[in-house]
């Protein structure tokens, strides 16, 4: 049952971030290792400036490869507000094969 909550990232090549209501100055990607009491180990994986888009941005999925199991979330920084996504549970398995 717990496996249903995990997204396998072995085949994720890119991540599409979409928003409404203006253009963020930057997008940040954070990851927290799985396990108990790991919130203090949250790591900033990427900060990306949004230069020319007002509704979507692609992020390279390779930023997830070094994290076997992690809780990942995205933060969009607008001039006057910070919007944080839901938390996504990512499990990288290099042996994962889609048939």
PDB file of N, CA and C in Angstrom:
ATOM      1  N   UNK A   1       0.818  -1.197   0.000  1.00  0.00           N
ATOM      2  CA  UNK A   1       0.000   0.000   0.000  1.00  0.00           C
ATOM      3  C   UNK A   1       0.861   1.260   0.000  1.00  0.00           C
ATOM      4  N   UNK A   2       1.937   1.237   0.771  1.00  0.00           N
ATOM      5  CA  UNK A   2       2.821   2.409   0.826  1.00  0.00           C
ATOM      6  C   UNK A   2       3.455   2.690  -0.530  1.00  0.00           C
ATOM      7  N   UNK A   3       3.732   1.649  -1.325  1.00  0.00           N
ATOM      8  CA  UNK A   3       4.355   1.837  -2.636  1.00  0.00           C
ATOM      9  C   UNK A   3       3.521   2.702  -3.562  1.00  0.00           C
ATOM     10  N   UNK A   4       2.223   2.735  -3.366  1.00  0.00           N
ATOM     11  CA  UNK A   4       1.348   3.549  -4.209  1.00  0.00           C
ATOM     12  C   UNK A   4       1.694   5.032  -4.072  1.00  0.00           C
ATOM     13  N   UNK A   5       2.230   5.416  -2.953  1.00  0.00           N
ATOM     14  CA  UNK A   5       2.525   6.817  -2.687  1.00  0.00           C
ATOM     15  C   UNK A   5       3.863   7.266  -3.254  1.00  0.00           C
ATOM     16  N   UNK A   6       4.623   6.367  -3.823  1.00  0.00           N
ATOM     17  CA  UNK A   6       5.948   6.698  -4.343  1.00  0.00           C
ATOM     18  C   UNK A   6       5.932   6.764  -5.857  1.00  0.00           C
ATOM     19  N   UNK A   7       6.610   7.763  -6.418  1.00  0.00           N
ATOM     20  CA  UNK A   7       6.738   7.917  -7.865  1.00  0.00           C
ATOM     21  C   UNK A   7       8.117   7.425  -8.264  1.00  0.00           C
ATOM     22  N   UNK A   8       8.191   6.467  -9.170  1.00  0.00           N
ATOM     23  CA  UNK A   8       9.481   5.962  -9.602  1.00  0.00           C
ATOM     24  C   UNK A   8      10.085   6.946 -10.593  1.00  0.00           C
ATOM     25  N   UNK A   9      11.301   7.388 -10.336  1.00  0.00           N
ATOM     26  CA  UNK A   9      11.915   8.438 -11.155  1.00  0.00           C
ATOM     27  C   UNK A   9      12.928   7.928 -12.157  1.00  0.00           C
ATOM     28  N   UNK A  10      13.072   6.626 -12.328  1.00  0.00           N
ATOM     29  CA  UNK A  10      14.086   6.110 -13.231  1.00  0.00           C
ATOM     30  C   UNK A  10      13.879   6.586 -14.659  1.00  0.00           C
ATOM     31  N   UNK A  11      12.648   6.851 -15.030  1.00  0.00           N
ATOM     32  CA  UNK A  11      12.369   7.258 -16.401  1.00  0.00           C
ATOM     33  C   UNK A  11      11.942   8.726 -16.508  1.00  0.00           C
ATOM     34  N   UNK A  12      12.108   9.500 -15.463  1.00  0.00           N
ATOM     35  CA  UNK A  12      11.768  10.921 -15.530  1.00  0.00           C
ATOM     36  C   UNK A  12      12.920  11.667 -16.190  1.00  0.00           C
ATOM     37  N   UNK A  13      12.661  12.220 -17.361  1.00  0.00           N
ATOM     38  CA  UNK A  13      13.687  12.976 -18.071  1.00  0.00           C
ATOM     39  C   UNK A  13      13.583  14.465 -17.798  1.00  0.00           C
ATOM     40  N   UNK A  14      12.365  14.932 -17.578  1.00  0.00           N
ATOM     41  CA  UNK A  14      12.186  16.348 -17.257  1.00  0.00           C
ATOM     42  C   UNK A  14      10.950  16.513 -16.387  1.00  0.00           C
ATOM     43  N   UNK A  15      10.900  17.628 -15.705  1.00  0.00           N
ATOM     44  CA  UNK A  15       9.793  17.956 -14.813  1.00  0.00           C
ATOM     45  C   UNK A  15       9.185  19.250 -15.316  1.00  0.00           C
ATOM     46  N   UNK A  16       7.887  19.246 -15.529  1.00  0.00           N
ATOM     47  CA  UNK A  16       7.191  20.434 -15.995  1.00  0.00           C
ATOM     48  C   UNK A  16       6.542  21.122 -14.802  1.00  0.00           C
ATOM     49  N   UNK A  17       6.892  22.382 -14.595  1.00  0.00           N
ATOM     50  CA  UNK A  17       6.294  23.201 -13.539  1.00  0.00           C
ATOM     51  C   UNK A  17       5.364  24.197 -14.221  1.00  0.00           C
ATOM     52  N   UNK A  18       4.104  24.247 -13.793  1.00  0.00           N
ATOM     53  CA  UNK A  18       3.149  25.199 -14.351  1.00  0.00           C
ATOM     54  C   UNK A  18       2.564  26.054 -13.233  1.00  0.00           C
ATOM     55  N   UNK A  19       2.185  27.285 -13.587  1.00  0.00           N
ATOM     56  CA  UNK A  19       1.598  28.210 -12.617  1.00  0.00           C
ATOM     57  C   UNK A  19       0.657  29.157 -13.333  1.00  0.00           C
ATOM     58  N   UNK A  20      -0.066  29.909 -12.529  1.00  0.00           N
ATOM     59  CA  UNK A  20      -0.976  30.933 -13.044  1.00  0.00           C
ATOM     60  C   UNK A  20      -0.763  32.209 -12.249  1.00  0.00           C
ATOM     61  N   UNK A  21      -1.037  33.352 -12.880  1.00  0.00           N
ATOM     62  CA  UNK A  21      -1.029  34.612 -12.136  1.00  0.00           C
ATOM     63  C   UNK A  21       0.317  35.275 -12.023  1.00  0.00           C
ATOM     64  N   UNK A  22       1.000  35.494 -13.120  1.00  0.00           N
ATOM     65  CA  UNK A  22       2.289  36.176 -13.097  1.00  0.00           C
ATOM     66  C   UNK A  22       3.440  35.229 -13.325  1.00  0.00           C
ATOM     67  N   UNK A  23       4.629  35.795 -13.378  1.00  0.00           N
ATOM     68  CA  UNK A  23       5.839  35.006 -13.607  1.00  0.00           C
ATOM     69  C   UNK A  23       6.702  35.014 -12.354  1.00  0.00           C
ATOM     70  N   UNK A  24       7.101  33.841 -11.868  1.00  0.00           N
ATOM     71  CA  UNK A  24       7.986  33.817 -10.702  1.00  0.00           C
ATOM     72  C   UNK A  24       9.387  34.296 -11.082  1.00  0.00           C
ATOM     73  N   UNK A  25      10.081  34.861 -10.110  1.00  0.00           N
ATOM     74  CA  UNK A  25      11.471  35.260 -10.324  1.00  0.00           C
ATOM     75  C   UNK A  25      12.365  34.034 -10.441  1.00  0.00           C
ATOM     76  N   UNK A  26      12.047  33.028  -9.647  1.00  0.00           N
ATOM     77  CA  UNK A  26      12.842  31.805  -9.684  1.00  0.00           C
ATOM     78  C   UNK A  26      12.028  30.622  -9.168  1.00  0.00           C
ATOM     79  N   UNK A  27      12.507  29.446  -9.529  1.00  0.00           N
ATOM     80  CA  UNK A  27      11.943  28.190  -9.041  1.00  0.00           C
ATOM     81  C   UNK A  27      13.059  27.474  -8.284  1.00  0.00           C
ATOM     82  N   UNK A  28      12.716  26.950  -7.114  1.00  0.00           N
ATOM     83  CA  UNK A  28      13.678  26.181  -6.343  1.00  0.00           C
ATOM     84  C   UNK A  28      13.120  24.780  -6.122  1.00  0.00           C
ATOM     85  N   UNK A  29      14.021  23.792  -6.151  1.00  0.00           N
ATOM     86  CA  UNK A  29      13.644  22.398  -5.932  1.00  0.00           C
ATOM     87  C   UNK A  29      14.363  21.933  -4.668  1.00  0.00           C
ATOM     88  N   UNK A  30      13.596  21.370  -3.739  1.00  0.00           N
ATOM     89  CA  UNK A  30      14.131  20.880  -2.475  1.00  0.00           C
ATOM     90  C   UNK A  30      13.871  19.396  -2.334  1.00  0.00           C
ATOM     91  N   UNK A  31      14.763  18.697  -1.626  1.00  0.00           N
ATOM     92  CA  UNK A  31      14.579  17.269  -1.344  1.00  0.00           C
ATOM     93  C   UNK A  31      14.939  16.991   0.105  1.00  0.00           C
ATOM     94  N   UNK A  32      14.104  16.186   0.734  1.00  0.00           N
ATOM     95  CA  UNK A  32      14.344  15.737   2.100  1.00  0.00           C
ATOM     96  C   UNK A  32      14.493  14.220   2.058  1.00  0.00           C
ATOM     97  N   UNK A  33      15.568  13.673   2.635  1.00  0.00           N
ATOM     98  CA  UNK A  33      15.720  12.212   2.623  1.00  0.00           C
ATOM     99  C   UNK A  33      14.545  11.547   3.334  1.00  0.00           C
ATOM    100  N   UNK A  34      14.216  10.336   2.906  1.00  0.00           N
ATOM    101  CA  UNK A  34      13.145   9.607   3.561  1.00  0.00           C
ATOM    102  C   UNK A  34      13.622   9.116   4.923  1.00  0.00           C
ATOM    103  N   UNK A  35      12.687   8.895   5.796  1.00  0.00           N
ATOM    104  CA  UNK A  35      13.004   8.426   7.134  1.00  0.00           C
ATOM    105  C   UNK A  35      12.446   9.368   8.180  1.00  0.00           C
ATOM    106  N   UNK A  36      12.635   9.003   9.421  1.00  0.00           N
ATOM    107  CA  UNK A  36      12.114   9.831  10.505  1.00  0.00           C
ATOM    108  C   UNK A  36      13.124  10.898  10.882  1.00  0.00           C
ATOM    109  N   UNK A  37      12.629  12.044  11.294  1.00  0.00           N
ATOM    110  CA  UNK A  37      13.473  13.146  11.772  1.00  0.00           C
ATOM    111  C   UNK A  37      14.523  13.582  10.748  1.00  0.00           C
ATOM    112  N   UNK A  38      14.142  13.703   9.487  1.00  0.00           N
ATOM    113  CA  UNK A  38      15.107  14.109   8.458  1.00  0.00           C
ATOM    114  C   UNK A  38      14.828  15.512   7.917  1.00  0.00           C
ATOM    115  N   UNK A  39      13.824  16.203   8.461  1.00  0.00           N
ATOM    116  CA  UNK A  39      13.468  17.520   7.948  1.00  0.00           C
ATOM    117  C   UNK A  39      14.656  18.472   7.980  1.00  0.00           C
ATOM    118  N   UNK A  40      15.512  18.353   8.986  1.00  0.00           N
ATOM    119  CA  UNK A  40      16.685  19.232   9.084  1.00  0.00           C
ATOM    120  C   UNK A  40      17.714  18.940   7.984  1.00  0.00           C
ATOM    121  N   UNK A  41      17.559  17.823   7.278  1.00  0.00           N
ATOM    122  CA  UNK A  41      18.483  17.452   6.204  1.00  0.00           C
ATOM    123  C   UNK A  41      17.961  17.861   4.827  1.00  0.00           C
ATOM    124  N   UNK A  42      16.926  18.690   4.790  1.00  0.00           N
ATOM    125  CA  UNK A  42      16.392  19.157   3.513  1.00  0.00           C
ATOM    126  C   UNK A  42      17.487  19.874   2.738  1.00  0.00           C
ATOM    127  N   UNK A  43      17.590  19.542   1.458  1.00  0.00           N
ATOM    128  CA  UNK A  43      18.663  20.064   0.605  1.00  0.00           C
ATOM    129  C   UNK A  43      18.071  20.807  -0.589  1.00  0.00           C
ATOM    130  N   UNK A  44      18.644  21.948  -0.899  1.00  0.00           N
ATOM    131  CA  UNK A  44      18.278  22.689  -2.103  1.00  0.00           C
ATOM    132  C   UNK A  44      18.987  22.035  -3.279  1.00  0.00           C
ATOM    133  N   UNK A  45      18.207  21.454  -4.215  1.00  0.00           N
ATOM    134  CA  UNK A  45      18.801  20.767  -5.372  1.00  0.00           C
ATOM    135  C   UNK A  45      19.060  21.706  -6.536  1.00  0.00           C
ATOM    136  N   UNK A  46      18.205  22.725  -6.685  1.00  0.00           N
ATOM    137  CA  UNK A  46      18.289  23.559  -7.876  1.00  0.00           C
ATOM    138  C   UNK A  46      17.608  24.892  -7.621  1.00  0.00           C
ATOM    139  N   UNK A  47      18.210  25.956  -8.131  1.00  0.00           N
ATOM    140  CA  UNK A  47      17.558  27.263  -8.216  1.00  0.00           C
ATOM    141  C   UNK A  47      17.627  27.666  -9.676  1.00  0.00           C
ATOM    142  N   UNK A  48      16.474  27.951 -10.256  1.00  0.00           N
ATOM    143  CA  UNK A  48      16.416  28.282 -11.679  1.00  0.00           C
ATOM    144  C   UNK A  48      15.657  29.588 -11.857  1.00  0.00           C
ATOM    145  N   UNK A  49      16.277  30.531 -12.534  1.00  0.00           N
ATOM    146  CA  UNK A  49      15.608  31.781 -12.871  1.00  0.00           C
ATOM    147  C   UNK A  49      14.657  31.546 -14.029  1.00  0.00           C
ATOM    148  N   UNK A  50      13.514  32.195 -13.980  1.00  0.00           N
ATOM    149  CA  UNK A  50      12.530  32.087 -15.058  1.00  0.00           C
ATOM    150  C   UNK A  50      12.677  33.342 -15.900  1.00  0.00           C
ATOM    151  N   UNK A  51      13.191  33.186 -17.112  1.00  0.00           N
ATOM    152  CA  UNK A  51      13.530  34.339 -17.932  1.00  0.00           C
ATOM    153  C   UNK A  51      12.455  34.728 -18.931  1.00  0.00           C
ATOM    154  N   UNK A  52      11.842  33.758 -19.562  1.00  0.00           N
ATOM    155  CA  UNK A  52      11.000  34.113 -20.699  1.00  0.00           C
ATOM    156  C   UNK A  52       9.686  33.343 -20.763  1.00  0.00           C
ATOM    157  N   UNK A  53       9.171  32.919 -19.653  1.00  0.00           N
ATOM    158  CA  UNK A  53       7.937  32.150 -19.666  1.00  0.00           C
ATOM    159  C   UNK A  53       6.972  32.710 -18.638  1.00  0.00           C
ATOM    160  N   UNK A  54       5.686  32.664 -18.963  1.00  0.00           N
ATOM    161  CA  UNK A  54       4.723  33.164 -18.000  1.00  0.00           C
ATOM    162  C   UNK A  54       3.729  32.091 -17.561  1.00  0.00           C
ATOM    163  N   UNK A  55       4.003  30.814 -17.903  1.00  0.00           N
ATOM    164  CA  UNK A  55       3.079  29.773 -17.468  1.00  0.00           C
ATOM    165  C   UNK A  55       3.724  28.397 -17.261  1.00  0.00           C
ATOM    166  N   UNK A  56       4.940  28.149 -17.730  1.00  0.00           N
ATOM    167  CA  UNK A  56       5.529  26.824 -17.580  1.00  0.00           C
ATOM    168  C   UNK A  56       7.047  26.881 -17.687  1.00  0.00           C
ATOM    169  N   UNK A  57       7.693  25.914 -17.046  1.00  0.00           N
ATOM    170  CA  UNK A  57       9.151  25.807 -17.084  1.00  0.00           C
ATOM    171  C   UNK A  57       9.517  24.332 -17.006  1.00  0.00           C
ATOM    172  N   UNK A  58      10.519  23.919 -17.804  1.00  0.00           N
ATOM    173  CA  UNK A  58      11.017  22.545 -17.765  1.00  0.00           C
ATOM    174  C   UNK A  58      12.284  22.481 -16.916  1.00  0.00           C
ATOM    175  N   UNK A  59      12.369  21.445 -16.115  1.00  0.00           N
ATOM    176  CA  UNK A  59      13.545  21.220 -15.278  1.00  0.00           C
ATOM    177  C   UNK A  59      14.086  19.829 -15.600  1.00  0.00           C
ATOM    178  N   UNK A  60      15.394  19.704 -15.723  1.00  0.00           N
ATOM    179  CA  UNK A  60      16.033  18.430 -16.040  1.00  0.00           C
ATOM    180  C   UNK A  60      15.807  17.430 -14.906  1.00  0.00           C
ATOM    181  N   UNK A  61      15.293  16.262 -15.238  1.00  0.00           N
ATOM    182  CA  UNK A  61      15.006  15.234 -14.246  1.00  0.00           C
ATOM    183  C   UNK A  61      16.239  14.605 -13.624  1.00  0.00           C
ATOM    184  N   UNK A  62      17.431  14.848 -14.185  1.00  0.00           N
ATOM    185  CA  UNK A  62      18.657  14.265 -13.640  1.00  0.00           C
ATOM    186  C   UNK A  62      18.972  14.743 -12.220  1.00  0.00           C
ATOM    187  N   UNK A  63      18.359  15.841 -11.787  1.00  0.00           N
ATOM    188  CA  UNK A  63      18.626  16.306 -10.417  1.00  0.00           C
ATOM    189  C   UNK A  63      18.137  15.304  -9.380  1.00  0.00           C
ATOM    190  N   UNK A  64      17.290  14.355  -9.791  1.00  0.00           N
ATOM    191  CA  UNK A  64      16.745  13.367  -8.859  1.00  0.00           C
ATOM    192  C   UNK A  64      17.590  12.107  -8.758  1.00  0.00           C
ATOM    193  N   UNK A  65      18.532  11.904  -9.665  1.00  0.00           N
ATOM    194  CA  UNK A  65      19.278  10.644  -9.746  1.00  0.00           C
ATOM    195  C   UNK A  65      20.062  10.292  -8.484  1.00  0.00           C
ATOM    196  N   UNK A  66      20.584  11.261  -7.802  1.00  0.00           N
ATOM    197  CA  UNK A  66      21.436  10.983  -6.644  1.00  0.00           C
ATOM    198  C   UNK A  66      20.645  10.710  -5.367  1.00  0.00           C
ATOM    199  N   UNK A  67      19.331  10.804  -5.447  1.00  0.00           N
ATOM    200  CA  UNK A  67      18.496  10.585  -4.274  1.00  0.00           C
ATOM    201  C   UNK A  67      17.722   9.294  -4.459  1.00  0.00           C
ATOM    202  N   UNK A  68      18.081   8.259  -3.727  1.00  0.00           N
ATOM    203  CA  UNK A  68      17.405   6.973  -3.896  1.00  0.00           C
ATOM    204  C   UNK A  68      15.932   7.088  -3.491  1.00  0.00           C
ATOM    205  N   UNK A  69      15.663   7.620  -2.315  1.00  0.00           N
ATOM    206  CA  UNK A  69      14.295   7.859  -1.864  1.00  0.00           C
ATOM    207  C   UNK A  69      14.271   9.225  -1.198  1.00  0.00           C
ATOM    208  N   UNK A  70      13.424  10.101  -1.692  1.00  0.00           N
ATOM    209  CA  UNK A  70      13.381  11.453  -1.153  1.00  0.00           C
ATOM    210  C   UNK A  70      11.985  12.036  -1.294  1.00  0.00           C
ATOM    211  N   UNK A  71      11.698  13.008  -0.447  1.00  0.00           N
ATOM    212  CA  UNK A  71      10.470  13.781  -0.534  1.00  0.00           C
ATOM    213  C   UNK A  71      10.845  15.089  -1.221  1.00  0.00           C
ATOM    214  N   UNK A  72      10.280  15.335  -2.389  1.00  0.00           N
ATOM    215  CA  UNK A  72      10.670  16.477  -3.224  1.00  0.00           C
ATOM    216  C   UNK A  72       9.525  17.478  -3.279  1.00  0.00           C
ATOM    217  N   UNK A  73       9.876  18.770  -3.174  1.00  0.00           N
ATOM    218  CA  UNK A  73       8.861  19.806  -3.373  1.00  0.00           C
ATOM    219  C   UNK A  73       9.472  20.983  -4.112  1.00  0.00           C
ATOM    220  N   UNK A  74       8.600  21.810  -4.673  1.00  0.00           N
ATOM    221  CA  UNK A  74       9.002  22.924  -5.520  1.00  0.00           C
ATOM    222  C   UNK A  74       8.506  24.226  -4.902  1.00  0.00           C
ATOM    223  N   UNK A  75       9.331  25.243  -4.990  1.00  0.00           N
ATOM    224  CA  UNK A  75       8.976  26.554  -4.442  1.00  0.00           C
ATOM    225  C   UNK A  75       9.113  27.593  -5.541  1.00  0.00           C
ATOM    226  N   UNK A  76       8.052  28.321  -5.805  1.00  0.00           N
ATOM    227  CA  UNK A  76       8.060  29.396  -6.793  1.00  0.00           C
ATOM    228  C   UNK A  76       8.095  30.715  -6.039  1.00  0.00           C
ATOM    229  N   UNK A  77       9.103  31.519  -6.335  1.00  0.00           N
ATOM    230  CA  UNK A  77       9.285  32.793  -5.645  1.00  0.00           C
ATOM    231  C   UNK A  77       8.822  33.925  -6.552  1.00  0.00           C
ATOM    232  N   UNK A  78       7.680  34.494  -6.208  1.00  0.00           N
ATOM    233  CA  UNK A  78       7.163  35.662  -6.905  1.00  0.00           C
ATOM    234  C   UNK A  78       7.649  36.903  -6.151  1.00  0.00           C
ATOM    235  N   UNK A  79       7.505  38.079  -6.722  1.00  0.00           N
ATOM    236  CA  UNK A  79       7.955  39.309  -6.060  1.00  0.00           C
ATOM    237  C   UNK A  79       7.424  39.441  -4.637  1.00  0.00           C
ATOM    238  N   UNK A  80       6.149  39.168  -4.456  1.00  0.00           N
ATOM    239  CA  UNK A  80       5.524  39.413  -3.164  1.00  0.00           C
ATOM    240  C   UNK A  80       4.996  38.163  -2.475  1.00  0.00           C
ATOM    241  N   UNK A  81       5.276  37.004  -3.017  1.00  0.00           N
ATOM    242  CA  UNK A  81       4.748  35.772  -2.425  1.00  0.00           C
ATOM    243  C   UNK A  81       5.626  34.575  -2.779  1.00  0.00           C
ATOM    244  N   UNK A  82       5.569  33.576  -1.921  1.00  0.00           N
ATOM    245  CA  UNK A  82       6.245  32.307  -2.163  1.00  0.00           C
ATOM    246  C   UNK A  82       5.169  31.229  -2.198  1.00  0.00           C
ATOM    247  N   UNK A  83       5.152  30.455  -3.281  1.00  0.00           N
ATOM    248  CA  UNK A  83       4.182  29.378  -3.438  1.00  0.00           C
ATOM    249  C   UNK A  83       4.945  28.063  -3.382  1.00  0.00           C
ATOM    250  N   UNK A  84       4.501  27.156  -2.509  1.00  0.00           N
ATOM    251  CA  UNK A  84       5.156  25.870  -2.345  1.00  0.00           C
ATOM    252  C   UNK A  84       4.221  24.763  -2.812  1.00  0.00           C
ATOM    253  N   UNK A  85       4.763  23.826  -3.582  1.00  0.00           N
ATOM    254  CA  UNK A  85       3.967  22.712  -4.111  1.00  0.00           C
ATOM    255  C   UNK A  85       3.690  21.681  -3.024  1.00  0.00           C
ATOM    256  N   UNK A  86       2.916  20.679  -3.402  1.00  0.00           N
ATOM    257  CA  UNK A  86       2.776  19.493  -2.571  1.00  0.00           C
ATOM    258  C   UNK A  86       4.124  18.793  -2.514  1.00  0.00           C
ATOM    259  N   UNK A  87       4.243  17.829  -1.615  1.00  0.00           N
ATOM    260  CA  UNK A  87       5.453  17.022  -1.517  1.00  0.00           C
ATOM    261  C   UNK A  87       5.244  15.764  -2.349  1.00  0.00           C
ATOM    262  N   UNK A  88       6.237  15.451  -3.192  1.00  0.00           N
ATOM    263  CA  UNK A  88       6.189  14.255  -4.028  1.00  0.00           C
ATOM    264  C   UNK A  88       7.247  13.282  -3.544  1.00  0.00           C
ATOM    265  N   UNK A  89       6.863  12.029  -3.354  1.00  0.00           N
ATOM    266  CA  UNK A  89       7.785  11.002  -2.887  1.00  0.00           C
ATOM    267  C   UNK A  89       8.417  10.339  -4.096  1.00  0.00           C
ATOM    268  N   UNK A  90       9.733  10.491  -4.222  1.00  0.00           N
ATOM    269  CA  UNK A  90      10.452  10.014  -5.405  1.00  0.00           C
ATOM    270  C   UNK A  90      11.384   8.876  -5.007  1.00  0.00           C
ATOM    271  N   UNK A  91      11.336   7.783  -5.776  1.00  0.00           N
ATOM    272  CA  UNK A  91      12.228   6.653  -5.552  1.00  0.00           C
ATOM    273  C   UNK A  91      12.983   6.399  -6.851  1.00  0.00           C
ATOM    274  N   UNK A  92      14.289   6.538  -6.834  1.00  0.00           N
ATOM    275  CA  UNK A  92      15.092   6.273  -8.024  1.00  0.00           C
ATOM    276  C   UNK A  92      15.534   4.820  -8.012  1.00  0.00           C
ATOM    277  N   UNK A  93      15.215   4.115  -9.080  1.00  0.00           N
ATOM    278  CA  UNK A  93      15.596   2.713  -9.216  1.00  0.00           C
ATOM    279  C   UNK A  93      16.132   2.522 -10.629  1.00  0.00           C
ATOM    280  N   UNK A  94      17.442   2.395 -10.759  1.00  0.00           N
ATOM    281  CA  UNK A  94      18.033   2.282 -12.093  1.00  0.00           C
ATOM    282  C   UNK A  94      17.641   0.991 -12.805  1.00  0.00           C
ATOM    283  N   UNK A  95      17.124   0.020 -12.077  1.00  0.00           N
ATOM    284  CA  UNK A  95      16.708  -1.243 -12.672  1.00  0.00           C
ATOM    285  C   UNK A  95      15.242  -1.256 -13.075  1.00  0.00           C
ATOM    286  N   UNK A  96      14.546  -0.154 -12.839  1.00  0.00           N
ATOM    287  CA  UNK A  96      13.122  -0.059 -13.198  1.00  0.00           C
ATOM    288  C   UNK A  96      12.971  -0.081 -14.705  1.00  0.00           C
ATOM    289  N   UNK A  97      12.138  -0.978 -15.223  1.00  0.00           N
ATOM    290  CA  UNK A  97      11.944  -1.106 -16.672  1.00  0.00           C
ATOM    291  C   UNK A  97      10.457  -1.019 -16.973  1.00  0.00           C
ATOM    292  N   UNK A  98      10.114  -0.173 -17.931  1.00  0.00           N
ATOM    293  CA  UNK A  98       8.728  -0.082 -18.376  1.00  0.00           C
ATOM    294  C   UNK A  98       8.576  -0.988 -19.589  1.00  0.00           C
ATOM    295  N   UNK A  99       7.608  -1.858 -19.552  1.00  0.00           N
ATOM    296  CA  UNK A  99       7.410  -2.777 -20.678  1.00  0.00           C
ATOM    297  C   UNK A  99       6.229  -2.365 -21.511  1.00  0.00           C
TER     298      UNK A  99
END
